[in-house]
Amino acid sequence: MRPGELAGLKPADQLRKAAGEAMLAVARANPRVVVLDGDLGNSTGAHEVKKEFPERFFNVGIAEANMIGIAAGLAACGYIPIVTSLASFLFNNAFDQLRLSVAIPALNVKCVGSHAGISTGREGPSSMSTEDFALAGALAPFVILVPCDPASMHKAMHAAVAHVGPVYVRSSREPLPHVYAGDDCPFEIGKANLLREGRDVTIIANGLMVSVALDAAVILAEEGIQARVLDMHTVRPLDRRAIEAAARETGALVTAEEQMLTGGMGANIARIVAETCPVPMRFVAIRDEYTGSGSPAELMARHGLTAEDVVAAAKKAIAAKNR
């Protein structure tokens, strides 16, 4: 079963295709936007900009650290550089340059990391990024955006370019179901979207896990459990108001992310819950281990990222609430 099938979501194109279309759209809208590519434009979608604006597209090659330095220089000159590569290459190969050249001076650089999470599949762990929330989150001024479908990717890219300061937009190789219909996608940095009402438990998800969370809510509803579902598309800054309201009104929380548990969204939500309204929580995430190759479905099942895993976590959180 594909993610989103139980919830009745329609299949979509690859998110990286939407990312490429979104980069082209913001380049058309703003002449200060330039794109830097780590020789992976066909994989990240950035080649769409090259076709229309070759003078604003720079293939730096497989040299991510150098690419970040160039982006910092362009940002200091008033341009809005979008840096594209695989997420694992950007944050693991160029972390020092991101910290020194972009984060400390808080320059207006936008990083688009493709092939994030484990759903990349058969490329293996060297191409998978499962620590990017933790790494980007360690860079003080960075905003972190995690779209869940093509519509939200377009909104995220426009929001990233409009925001003054460094932003990380997480993209994926895999097709993600249409959570939102066309342009009917509210997107405000730092404000979660309520996708489903519920009184018994709240599931907070982002990226691929949003459609999985909606599937889980359908399963739970068949058993008489009403789950609220939040699309936490902004991992930083988190929507403290929505988190506190969910804790107070449903009394139990589950977080779901295609990311390492340590340093991920769930860990940061737990901090907010502890500060505002402590309630039972359970976490659906990668349990601090690297994976091997496999199909996306195989890897999601192996690491406990299925709708059934979210359902089990929700039941445990509700049981803890009712003790």
C-alpha atoms as a PDB file:
ATOM      1  CA  MET A   1       0.000   0.000   0.000  1.00  0.00           C
ATOM      2  CA  ARG A   2       1.385   3.405  -0.957  1.00  0.00           C
ATOM      3  CA  PRO A   3       1.338   6.283   1.576  1.00  0.00           C
ATOM      4  CA  GLY A   4      -1.917   8.220   1.421  1.00  0.00           C
ATOM      5  CA  GLU A   5      -3.949   5.444  -0.180  1.00  0.00           C
ATOM      6  CA  LEU A   6      -6.203   4.832   2.817  1.00  0.00           C
ATOM      7  CA  ALA A   7      -6.784   8.566   3.159  1.00  0.00           C
ATOM      8  CA  GLY A   8      -7.857   8.738  -0.480  1.00  0.00           C
ATOM      9  CA  LEU A   9      -4.964  10.953  -1.578  1.00  0.00           C
ATOM     10  CA  LYS A  10      -4.125  11.030  -5.276  1.00  0.00           C
ATOM     11  CA  PRO A  11      -0.627   9.992  -6.407  1.00  0.00           C
ATOM     12  CA  ALA A  12       1.703  12.828  -7.349  1.00  0.00           C
ATOM     13  CA  ASP A  13       4.829  13.407  -9.370  1.00  0.00           C
ATOM     14  CA  GLN A  14       8.243  13.249  -7.762  1.00  0.00           C
ATOM     15  CA  LEU A  15       8.766  16.026  -5.236  1.00  0.00           C
ATOM     16  CA  ARG A  16      12.089  16.922  -6.864  1.00  0.00           C
ATOM     17  CA  LYS A  17      10.178  17.734 -10.063  1.00  0.00           C
ATOM     18  CA  ALA A  18       7.984  20.120  -8.098  1.00  0.00           C
ATOM     19  CA  ALA A  19      11.126  21.600  -6.528  1.00  0.00           C
ATOM     20  CA  GLY A  20      12.557  22.319  -9.967  1.00  0.00           C
ATOM     21  CA  GLU A  21       9.322  23.924 -11.126  1.00  0.00           C
ATOM     22  CA  ALA A  22       9.204  25.999  -7.932  1.00  0.00           C
ATOM     23  CA  MET A  23      12.806  27.180  -8.369  1.00  0.00           C
ATOM     24  CA  LEU A  24      11.974  28.268 -11.913  1.00  0.00           C
ATOM     25  CA  ALA A  25       8.868  30.101 -10.685  1.00  0.00           C
ATOM     26  CA  VAL A  26      10.772  32.128  -8.094  1.00  0.00           C
ATOM     27  CA  ALA A  27      13.519  32.864 -10.628  1.00  0.00           C
ATOM     28  CA  ARG A  28      10.894  34.231 -13.015  1.00  0.00           C
ATOM     29  CA  ALA A  29       9.374  36.328 -10.248  1.00  0.00           C
ATOM     30  CA  ASN A  30      12.622  37.764  -8.859  1.00  0.00           C
ATOM     31  CA  PRO A  31      15.611  38.680 -11.051  1.00  0.00           C
ATOM     32  CA  ARG A  32      17.920  38.559  -8.012  1.00  0.00           C
ATOM     33  CA  VAL A  33      17.430  34.782  -7.677  1.00  0.00           C
ATOM     34  CA  VAL A  34      20.382  32.710  -8.920  1.00  0.00           C
ATOM     35  CA  VAL A  35      20.850  28.946  -8.699  1.00  0.00           C
ATOM     36  CA  LEU A  36      24.056  27.104  -7.808  1.00  0.00           C
ATOM     37  CA  ASP A  37      24.182  23.415  -8.646  1.00  0.00           C
ATOM     38  CA  GLY A  38      26.498  20.663  -7.432  1.00  0.00           C
ATOM     39  CA  ASP A  39      26.436  18.852 -10.799  1.00  0.00           C
ATOM     40  CA  LEU A  40      23.136  17.200  -9.894  1.00  0.00           C
ATOM     41  CA  GLY A  41      20.636  19.449 -11.638  1.00  0.00           C
ATOM     42  CA  ASN A  42      18.899  16.533 -13.332  1.00  0.00           C
ATOM     43  CA  SER A  43      18.418  14.873  -9.941  1.00  0.00           C
ATOM     44  CA  THR A  44      17.360  17.919  -7.927  1.00  0.00           C
ATOM     45  CA  GLY A  45      15.176  19.579 -10.573  1.00  0.00           C
ATOM     46  CA  ALA A  46      17.450  22.636 -10.783  1.00  0.00           C
ATOM     47  CA  HIS A  47      18.084  22.048 -14.497  1.00  0.00           C
ATOM     48  CA  GLU A  48      14.668  23.662 -15.126  1.00  0.00           C
ATOM     49  CA  VAL A  49      16.229  27.029 -14.257  1.00  0.00           C
ATOM     50  CA  LYS A  50      19.212  26.400 -16.521  1.00  0.00           C
ATOM     51  CA  LYS A  51      16.916  25.917 -19.527  1.00  0.00           C
ATOM     52  CA  GLU A  52      15.319  29.356 -19.175  1.00  0.00           C
ATOM     53  CA  PHE A  53      17.954  31.397 -17.334  1.00  0.00           C
ATOM     54  CA  PRO A  54      21.398  29.962 -18.236  1.00  0.00           C
ATOM     55  CA  GLU A  55      23.055  33.230 -17.182  1.00  0.00           C
ATOM     56  CA  ARG A  56      21.672  32.773 -13.654  1.00  0.00           C
ATOM     57  CA  PHE A  57      22.592  29.101 -13.289  1.00  0.00           C
ATOM     58  CA  PHE A  58      26.056  28.039 -12.111  1.00  0.00           C
ATOM     59  CA  ASN A  59      27.214  24.426 -12.119  1.00  0.00           C
ATOM     60  CA  VAL A  60      29.954  24.466  -9.511  1.00  0.00           C
ATOM     61  CA  GLY A  61      30.589  20.746  -9.842  1.00  0.00           C
ATOM     62  CA  ILE A  62      31.038  18.176  -7.096  1.00  0.00           C
ATOM     63  CA  ALA A  63      32.480  20.764  -4.712  1.00  0.00           C
ATOM     64  CA  GLU A  64      29.809  21.529  -2.129  1.00  0.00           C
ATOM     65  CA  ALA A  65      32.041  23.503   0.237  1.00  0.00           C
ATOM     66  CA  ASN A  66      33.158  25.770  -2.591  1.00  0.00           C
ATOM     67  CA  MET A  67      29.550  26.150  -3.719  1.00  0.00           C
ATOM     68  CA  ILE A  68      28.505  27.435  -0.290  1.00  0.00           C
ATOM     69  CA  GLY A  69      31.346  29.958  -0.291  1.00  0.00           C
ATOM     70  CA  ILE A  70      30.277  31.258  -3.713  1.00  0.00           C
ATOM     71  CA  ALA A  71      26.658  31.466  -2.546  1.00  0.00           C
ATOM     72  CA  ALA A  72      27.729  33.481   0.499  1.00  0.00           C
ATOM     73  CA  GLY A  73      29.584  35.936  -1.742  1.00  0.00           C
ATOM     74  CA  LEU A  74      26.593  36.312  -4.045  1.00  0.00           C
ATOM     75  CA  ALA A  75      24.281  36.872  -1.067  1.00  0.00           C
ATOM     76  CA  ALA A  76      26.635  39.531   0.303  1.00  0.00           C
ATOM     77  CA  CYS A  77      26.326  41.300  -3.070  1.00  0.00           C
ATOM     78  CA  GLY A  78      22.533  41.377  -2.921  1.00  0.00           C
ATOM     79  CA  TYR A  79      21.612  38.282  -4.888  1.00  0.00           C
ATOM     80  CA  ILE A  80      19.355  35.514  -3.542  1.00  0.00           C
ATOM     81  CA  PRO A  81      21.288  32.292  -4.177  1.00  0.00           C
ATOM     82  CA  ILE A  82      19.520  28.932  -4.143  1.00  0.00           C
ATOM     83  CA  VAL A  83      22.065  26.171  -3.528  1.00  0.00           C
ATOM     84  CA  THR A  84      21.012  22.717  -4.698  1.00  0.00           C
ATOM     85  CA  SER A  85      22.413  19.237  -4.171  1.00  0.00           C
ATOM     86  CA  LEU A  86      21.520  16.059  -2.355  1.00  0.00           C
ATOM     87  CA  ALA A  87      20.708  16.912   1.260  1.00  0.00           C
ATOM     88  CA  SER A  88      23.377  14.529   2.539  1.00  0.00           C
ATOM     89  CA  PHE A  89      26.051  16.245   0.445  1.00  0.00           C
ATOM     90  CA  LEU A  90      25.035  19.765   1.443  1.00  0.00           C
ATOM     91  CA  PHE A  91      24.973  19.277   5.191  1.00  0.00           C
ATOM     92  CA  ASN A  92      27.656  16.650   5.628  1.00  0.00           C
ATOM     93  CA  ASN A  93      30.212  17.861   3.094  1.00  0.00           C
ATOM     94  CA  ALA A  94      29.795  21.600   3.591  1.00  0.00           C
ATOM     95  CA  PHE A  95      28.729  22.012   7.226  1.00  0.00           C
ATOM     96  CA  ASP A  96      31.755  24.095   8.217  1.00  0.00           C
ATOM     97  CA  GLN A  97      31.186  26.502   5.333  1.00  0.00           C
ATOM     98  CA  LEU A  98      27.453  26.703   6.107  1.00  0.00           C
ATOM     99  CA  ARG A  99      28.322  27.609   9.687  1.00  0.00           C
ATOM    100  CA  LEU A 100      31.122  30.097   9.017  1.00  0.00           C
ATOM    101  CA  SER A 101      30.051  31.670   5.722  1.00  0.00           C
ATOM    102  CA  VAL A 102      26.245  31.592   5.943  1.00  0.00           C
ATOM    103  CA  ALA A 103      24.945  31.029   9.482  1.00  0.00           C
ATOM    104  CA  ILE A 104      27.239  33.289  11.507  1.00  0.00           C
ATOM    105  CA  PRO A 105      26.751  36.304   9.193  1.00  0.00           C
ATOM    106  CA  ALA A 106      23.090  35.255   8.667  1.00  0.00           C
ATOM    107  CA  LEU A 107      23.330  35.677   4.907  1.00  0.00           C
ATOM    108  CA  ASN A 108      20.348  35.314   2.595  1.00  0.00           C
ATOM    109  CA  VAL A 109      21.202  31.860   1.202  1.00  0.00           C
ATOM    110  CA  LYS A 110      18.564  29.217   0.422  1.00  0.00           C
ATOM    111  CA  CYS A 111      19.590  25.542   0.524  1.00  0.00           C
ATOM    112  CA  VAL A 112      17.448  22.980  -1.307  1.00  0.00           C
ATOM    113  CA  GLY A 113      18.420  19.472  -0.230  1.00  0.00           C
ATOM    114  CA  SER A 114      17.044  16.699  -2.409  1.00  0.00           C
ATOM    115  CA  HIS A 115      16.814  12.923  -1.843  1.00  0.00           C
ATOM    116  CA  ALA A 116      16.326  13.444   1.894  1.00  0.00           C
ATOM    117  CA  GLY A 117      15.300  10.696   4.283  1.00  0.00           C
ATOM    118  CA  ILE A 118      15.514   6.950   3.669  1.00  0.00           C
ATOM    119  CA  SER A 119      12.876   6.778   0.943  1.00  0.00           C
ATOM    120  CA  THR A 120      15.639   7.425  -1.595  1.00  0.00           C
ATOM    121  CA  GLY A 121      15.847   3.638  -1.463  1.00  0.00           C
ATOM    122  CA  ARG A 122      18.479   1.688  -3.311  1.00  0.00           C
ATOM    123  CA  GLU A 123      21.202   4.362  -3.379  1.00  0.00           C
ATOM    124  CA  GLY A 124      22.221   3.331   0.136  1.00  0.00           C
ATOM    125  CA  PRO A 125      23.093   5.322   3.274  1.00  0.00           C
ATOM    126  CA  SER A 126      25.824   7.478   1.709  1.00  0.00           C
ATOM    127  CA  SER A 127      23.163   9.274  -0.366  1.00  0.00           C
ATOM    128  CA  MET A 128      20.486   9.376   2.343  1.00  0.00           C
ATOM    129  CA  SER A 129      20.128  12.305   4.661  1.00  0.00           C
ATOM    130  CA  THR A 130      18.708  11.342   8.024  1.00  0.00           C
ATOM    131  CA  GLU A 131      20.538  13.908  10.173  1.00  0.00           C
ATOM    132  CA  ASP A 132      19.664  17.075   8.250  1.00  0.00           C
ATOM    133  CA  PHE A 133      17.107  18.374  10.793  1.00  0.00           C
ATOM    134  CA  ALA A 134      19.741  18.121  13.512  1.00  0.00           C
ATOM    135  CA  LEU A 135      22.507  19.663  11.404  1.00  0.00           C
ATOM    136  CA  ALA A 136      20.435  22.519   9.993  1.00  0.00           C
ATOM    137  CA  GLY A 137      18.861  23.020  13.413  1.00  0.00           C
ATOM    138  CA  ALA A 138      22.298  23.505  14.937  1.00  0.00           C
ATOM    139  CA  LEU A 139      22.833  26.547  12.694  1.00  0.00           C
ATOM    140  CA  ALA A 140      21.181  29.290  14.723  1.00  0.00           C
ATOM    141  CA  PRO A 141      19.490  31.490  12.068  1.00  0.00           C
ATOM    142  CA  PHE A 142      18.355  28.721   9.705  1.00  0.00           C
ATOM    143  CA  VAL A 143      14.650  28.271   8.949  1.00  0.00           C
ATOM    144  CA  ILE A 144      13.793  24.622   8.097  1.00  0.00           C
ATOM    145  CA  LEU A 145      10.903  23.900   5.713  1.00  0.00           C
ATOM    146  CA  VAL A 146       9.665  20.369   4.946  1.00  0.00           C
ATOM    147  CA  PRO A 147       6.957  20.302   2.243  1.00  0.00           C
ATOM    148  CA  CYS A 148       4.700  17.256   2.080  1.00  0.00           C
ATOM    149  CA  ASP A 149       3.528  17.435  -1.540  1.00  0.00           C
ATOM    150  CA  PRO A 150       3.981  19.424  -4.790  1.00  0.00           C
ATOM    151  CA  ALA A 151       1.613  22.236  -3.778  1.00  0.00           C
ATOM    152  CA  SER A 152       3.363  22.810  -0.470  1.00  0.00           C
ATOM    153  CA  MET A 153       6.767  22.640  -2.202  1.00  0.00           C
ATOM    154  CA  HIS A 154       5.770  25.570  -4.421  1.00  0.00           C
ATOM    155  CA  LYS A 155       4.531  27.546  -1.415  1.00  0.00           C
ATOM    156  CA  ALA A 156       7.653  26.668   0.589  1.00  0.00           C
ATOM    157  CA  MET A 157       9.999  27.857  -2.165  1.00  0.00           C
ATOM    158  CA  HIS A 158       8.218  31.190  -2.468  1.00  0.00           C
ATOM    159  CA  ALA A 159       8.231  31.573   1.334  1.00  0.00           C
ATOM    160  CA  ALA A 160      11.938  30.733   1.468  1.00  0.00           C
ATOM    161  CA  VAL A 161      12.846  33.385  -1.093  1.00  0.00           C
ATOM    162  CA  ALA A 162      10.617  35.993   0.570  1.00  0.00           C
ATOM    163  CA  HIS A 163      12.216  35.322   3.964  1.00  0.00           C
ATOM    164  CA  VAL A 164      15.351  37.368   4.648  1.00  0.00           C
ATOM    165  CA  GLY A 165      17.971  34.981   6.034  1.00  0.00           C
ATOM    166  CA  PRO A 166      19.181  31.412   5.538  1.00  0.00           C
ATOM    167  CA  VAL A 167      16.585  28.737   4.789  1.00  0.00           C
ATOM    168  CA  TYR A 168      16.734  24.985   4.249  1.00  0.00           C
ATOM    169  CA  VAL A 169      14.019  23.451   2.047  1.00  0.00           C
ATOM    170  CA  ARG A 170      13.895  19.655   2.233  1.00  0.00           C
ATOM    171  CA  SER A 171      13.038  17.780  -0.935  1.00  0.00           C
ATOM    172  CA  SER A 172      12.609  14.128  -1.832  1.00  0.00           C
ATOM    173  CA  ARG A 173      13.223  11.855  -4.748  1.00  0.00           C
ATOM    174  CA  GLU A 174      10.027   9.888  -4.259  1.00  0.00           C
ATOM    175  CA  PRO A 175       6.545  10.850  -5.428  1.00  0.00           C
ATOM    176  CA  LEU A 176       4.472  12.173  -2.519  1.00  0.00           C
ATOM    177  CA  PRO A 177       0.646  12.047  -2.587  1.00  0.00           C
ATOM    178  CA  HIS A 178      -1.360  15.227  -3.105  1.00  0.00           C
ATOM    179  CA  VAL A 179      -2.250  16.303   0.442  1.00  0.00           C
ATOM    180  CA  TYR A 180      -3.420  19.697  -0.828  1.00  0.00           C
ATOM    181  CA  ALA A 181      -5.573  20.381  -3.881  1.00  0.00           C
ATOM    182  CA  GLY A 182      -3.834  22.710  -6.324  1.00  0.00           C
ATOM    183  CA  ASP A 183      -3.172  26.111  -4.778  1.00  0.00           C
ATOM    184  CA  ASP A 184      -5.375  25.323  -1.776  1.00  0.00           C
ATOM    185  CA  CYS A 185      -2.340  25.084   0.481  1.00  0.00           C
ATOM    186  CA  PRO A 186      -1.942  27.615   3.272  1.00  0.00           C
ATOM    187  CA  PHE A 187       1.735  28.113   3.992  1.00  0.00           C
ATOM    188  CA  GLU A 188       3.129  30.461   6.584  1.00  0.00           C
ATOM    189  CA  ILE A 189       6.586  29.978   8.055  1.00  0.00           C
ATOM    190  CA  GLY A 190       6.198  28.822  11.647  1.00  0.00           C
ATOM    191  CA  LYS A 191       2.475  28.010  11.423  1.00  0.00           C
ATOM    192  CA  ALA A 192       1.312  24.387  11.208  1.00  0.00           C
ATOM    193  CA  ASN A 193      -1.641  23.342   9.055  1.00  0.00           C
ATOM    194  CA  LEU A 194      -4.545  21.489  10.659  1.00  0.00           C
ATOM    195  CA  LEU A 195      -5.485  18.665   8.276  1.00  0.00           C
ATOM    196  CA  ARG A 196      -7.898  16.678  10.435  1.00  0.00           C
ATOM    197  CA  GLU A 197      -9.754  17.377  13.655  1.00  0.00           C
ATOM    198  CA  GLY A 198      -9.608  14.949  16.565  1.00  0.00           C
ATOM    199  CA  ARG A 199     -10.071  14.884  20.329  1.00  0.00           C
ATOM    200  CA  ASP A 200      -8.252  11.719  21.436  1.00  0.00           C
ATOM    201  CA  VAL A 201      -4.690  12.174  20.199  1.00  0.00           C
ATOM    202  CA  THR A 202      -2.704  14.484  17.915  1.00  0.00           C
ATOM    203  CA  ILE A 203      -0.337  13.227  15.236  1.00  0.00           C
ATOM    204  CA  ILE A 204       2.236  15.835  14.214  1.00  0.00           C
ATOM    205  CA  ALA A 205       4.032  15.005  10.975  1.00  0.00           C
ATOM    206  CA  ASN A 206       5.944  16.534   8.096  1.00  0.00           C
ATOM    207  CA  GLY A 207       7.155  15.579   4.619  1.00  0.00           C
ATOM    208  CA  LEU A 208       6.358  12.039   3.510  1.00  0.00           C
ATOM    209  CA  MET A 209       5.002  11.210   6.960  1.00  0.00           C
ATOM    210  CA  VAL A 210       2.026  13.566   6.566  1.00  0.00           C
ATOM    211  CA  SER A 211       0.268  11.185   4.171  1.00  0.00           C
ATOM    212  CA  VAL A 212       1.257   8.279   6.440  1.00  0.00           C
ATOM    213  CA  ALA A 213      -0.270  10.133   9.414  1.00  0.00           C
ATOM    214  CA  LEU A 214      -3.510  10.670   7.495  1.00  0.00           C
ATOM    215  CA  ASP A 215      -3.651   6.945   6.720  1.00  0.00           C
ATOM    216  CA  ALA A 216      -3.116   6.212  10.411  1.00  0.00           C
ATOM    217  CA  ALA A 217      -5.960   8.568  11.326  1.00  0.00           C
ATOM    218  CA  VAL A 218      -8.288   6.618   9.024  1.00  0.00           C
ATOM    219  CA  ILE A 219      -7.326   3.332  10.702  1.00  0.00           C
ATOM    220  CA  LEU A 220      -7.798   4.832  14.158  1.00  0.00           C
ATOM    221  CA  ALA A 221     -11.199   6.257  13.215  1.00  0.00           C
ATOM    222  CA  GLU A 222     -12.374   2.780  12.237  1.00  0.00           C
ATOM    223  CA  GLU A 223     -11.657   1.796  15.844  1.00  0.00           C
ATOM    224  CA  GLY A 224     -13.473   4.793  17.284  1.00  0.00           C
ATOM    225  CA  ILE A 225     -10.348   6.877  17.979  1.00  0.00           C
ATOM    226  CA  GLN A 226     -10.370  10.421  16.599  1.00  0.00           C
ATOM    227  CA  ALA A 227      -6.891  11.697  15.762  1.00  0.00           C
ATOM    228  CA  ARG A 228      -6.022  15.307  15.050  1.00  0.00           C
ATOM    229  CA  VAL A 229      -3.390  15.600  12.294  1.00  0.00           C
ATOM    230  CA  LEU A 230      -1.043  18.561  11.967  1.00  0.00           C
ATOM    231  CA  ASP A 231       1.264  19.212   9.023  1.00  0.00           C
ATOM    232  CA  MET A 232       4.283  20.725  10.789  1.00  0.00           C
ATOM    233  CA  HIS A 233       5.891  21.924   7.562  1.00  0.00           C
ATOM    234  CA  THR A 234       8.181  24.274   9.472  1.00  0.00           C
ATOM    235  CA  VAL A 235      10.574  22.393  11.724  1.00  0.00           C
ATOM    236  CA  ARG A 236      12.186  25.665  12.728  1.00  0.00           C
ATOM    237  CA  PRO A 237      10.608  27.808  14.049  1.00  0.00           C
ATOM    238  CA  LEU A 238       8.050  25.327  15.373  1.00  0.00           C
ATOM    239  CA  ASP A 239       4.451  26.394  15.888  1.00  0.00           C
ATOM    240  CA  ARG A 240       4.417  26.584  19.678  1.00  0.00           C
ATOM    241  CA  ARG A 241       0.780  27.691  19.800  1.00  0.00           C
ATOM    242  CA  ALA A 242      -0.463  24.701  17.760  1.00  0.00           C
ATOM    243  CA  ILE A 243       1.658  22.287  19.800  1.00  0.00           C
ATOM    244  CA  GLU A 244       0.438  23.619  23.139  1.00  0.00           C
ATOM    245  CA  ALA A 245      -3.182  23.617  21.950  1.00  0.00           C
ATOM    246  CA  ALA A 246      -2.858  20.018  20.751  1.00  0.00           C
ATOM    247  CA  ALA A 247      -1.401  18.944  24.072  1.00  0.00           C
ATOM    248  CA  ARG A 248      -4.120  20.678  26.102  1.00  0.00           C
ATOM    249  CA  GLU A 249      -7.044  19.650  23.917  1.00  0.00           C
ATOM    250  CA  THR A 250      -6.162  16.042  23.053  1.00  0.00           C
ATOM    251  CA  GLY A 251      -3.885  15.096  25.954  1.00  0.00           C
ATOM    252  CA  ALA A 252      -1.589  12.819  23.930  1.00  0.00           C
ATOM    253  CA  LEU A 253       0.852  13.427  21.078  1.00  0.00           C
ATOM    254  CA  VAL A 254       2.628  11.379  18.423  1.00  0.00           C
ATOM    255  CA  THR A 255       5.330  12.862  16.203  1.00  0.00           C
ATOM    256  CA  ALA A 256       6.162  11.264  12.848  1.00  0.00           C
ATOM    257  CA  GLU A 257       9.198  12.143  10.735  1.00  0.00           C
ATOM    258  CA  GLU A 258      11.509  10.520   8.190  1.00  0.00           C
ATOM    259  CA  GLN A 259      14.528  11.548  10.249  1.00  0.00           C
ATOM    260  CA  MET A 260      16.763  10.411  13.090  1.00  0.00           C
ATOM    261  CA  LEU A 261      15.044  10.664  16.449  1.00  0.00           C
ATOM    262  CA  THR A 262      17.982  12.487  18.051  1.00  0.00           C
ATOM    263  CA  GLY A 263      17.895  16.151  17.065  1.00  0.00           C
ATOM    264  CA  GLY A 264      14.726  15.721  15.008  1.00  0.00           C
ATOM    265  CA  MET A 265      11.341  17.417  15.063  1.00  0.00           C
ATOM    266  CA  GLY A 266       9.921  15.169  17.779  1.00  0.00           C
ATOM    267  CA  ALA A 267      12.728  15.921  20.215  1.00  0.00           C
ATOM    268  CA  ASN A 268      12.191  19.657  19.791  1.00  0.00           C
ATOM    269  CA  ILE A 269       8.427  19.348  20.108  1.00  0.00           C
ATOM    270  CA  ALA A 270       8.963  17.398  23.352  1.00  0.00           C
ATOM    271  CA  ARG A 271      10.906  20.356  24.736  1.00  0.00           C
ATOM    272  CA  ILE A 272       7.995  22.689  23.990  1.00  0.00           C
ATOM    273  CA  VAL A 273       5.495  20.242  25.502  1.00  0.00           C
ATOM    274  CA  ALA A 274       7.619  19.952  28.650  1.00  0.00           C
ATOM    275  CA  GLU A 275       7.681  23.743  28.954  1.00  0.00           C
ATOM    276  CA  THR A 276       3.977  24.357  28.286  1.00  0.00           C
ATOM    277  CA  CYS A 277       1.686  21.364  28.876  1.00  0.00           C
ATOM    278  CA  PRO A 278       3.352  18.016  29.656  1.00  0.00           C
ATOM    279  CA  VAL A 279       1.375  15.089  28.197  1.00  0.00           C
ATOM    280  CA  PRO A 280       2.273  11.543  27.096  1.00  0.00           C
ATOM    281  CA  MET A 281       4.209  11.459  23.826  1.00  0.00           C
ATOM    282  CA  ARG A 282       5.408   8.759  21.452  1.00  0.00           C
ATOM    283  CA  PHE A 283       7.858   9.179  18.596  1.00  0.00           C
ATOM    284  CA  VAL A 284       7.831   7.615  15.145  1.00  0.00           C
ATOM    285  CA  ALA A 285      11.282   8.211  13.667  1.00  0.00           C
ATOM    286  CA  ILE A 286      14.487   6.460  12.693  1.00  0.00           C
ATOM    287  CA  ARG A 287      15.995   5.051  15.880  1.00  0.00           C
ATOM    288  CA  ASP A 288      19.552   6.320  15.535  1.00  0.00           C
ATOM    289  CA  GLU A 289      20.828   3.811  13.022  1.00  0.00           C
ATOM    290  CA  TYR A 290      21.831   3.844   9.380  1.00  0.00           C
ATOM    291  CA  THR A 291      20.019   1.675   6.908  1.00  0.00           C
ATOM    292  CA  GLY A 292      21.011  -0.361   3.893  1.00  0.00           C
ATOM    293  CA  SER A 293      19.608  -0.390   0.387  1.00  0.00           C
ATOM    294  CA  GLY A 294      16.068  -1.407  -0.422  1.00  0.00           C
ATOM    295  CA  SER A 295      12.824  -0.204  -1.899  1.00  0.00           C
ATOM    296  CA  PRO A 296      11.230   2.780  -0.150  1.00  0.00           C
ATOM    297  CA  ALA A 297       8.427   0.561   1.172  1.00  0.00           C
ATOM    298  CA  GLU A 298      10.909  -1.990   2.544  1.00  0.00           C
ATOM    299  CA  LEU A 299      12.961   0.681   4.297  1.00  0.00           C
ATOM    300  CA  MET A 300       9.944   2.464   5.739  1.00  0.00           C
ATOM    301  CA  ALA A 301       8.712  -0.837   7.196  1.00  0.00           C
ATOM    302  CA  ARG A 302      12.173  -1.775   8.476  1.00  0.00           C
ATOM    303  CA  HIS A 303      12.487   1.477  10.401  1.00  0.00           C
ATOM    304  CA  GLY A 304       8.956   1.663  11.757  1.00  0.00           C
ATOM    305  CA  LEU A 305       7.640   4.492   9.584  1.00  0.00           C
ATOM    306  CA  THR A 306       4.376   2.935   8.371  1.00  0.00           C
ATOM    307  CA  ALA A 307       0.769   3.872   9.127  1.00  0.00           C
ATOM    308  CA  GLU A 308       0.534   0.812  11.364  1.00  0.00           C
ATOM    309  CA  ASP A 309       3.521   2.062  13.373  1.00  0.00           C
ATOM    310  CA  VAL A 310       1.861   5.454  13.815  1.00  0.00           C
ATOM    311  CA  VAL A 311      -1.360   3.728  14.915  1.00  0.00           C
ATOM    312  CA  ALA A 312       0.534   1.667  17.502  1.00  0.00           C
ATOM    313  CA  ALA A 313       2.283   4.780  18.821  1.00  0.00           C
ATOM    314  CA  ALA A 314      -1.033   6.639  19.082  1.00  0.00           C
ATOM    315  CA  LYS A 315      -2.612   3.820  21.080  1.00  0.00           C
ATOM    316  CA  LYS A 316       0.345   3.772  23.480  1.00  0.00           C
ATOM    317  CA  ALA A 317       0.126   7.533  23.996  1.00  0.00           C
ATOM    318  CA  ILE A 318      -3.628   7.311  24.646  1.00  0.00           C
ATOM    319  CA  ALA A 319      -3.127   4.416  27.072  1.00  0.00           C
ATOM    320  CA  ALA A 320      -0.560   6.447  28.982  1.00  0.00           C
ATOM    321  CA  LYS A 321      -2.973   9.382  29.085  1.00  0.00           C
ATOM    322  CA  ASN A 322      -5.759   7.226  30.533  1.00  0.00           C
ATOM    323  CA  ARG A 323      -3.731   5.620  33.300  1.00  0.00           C
END
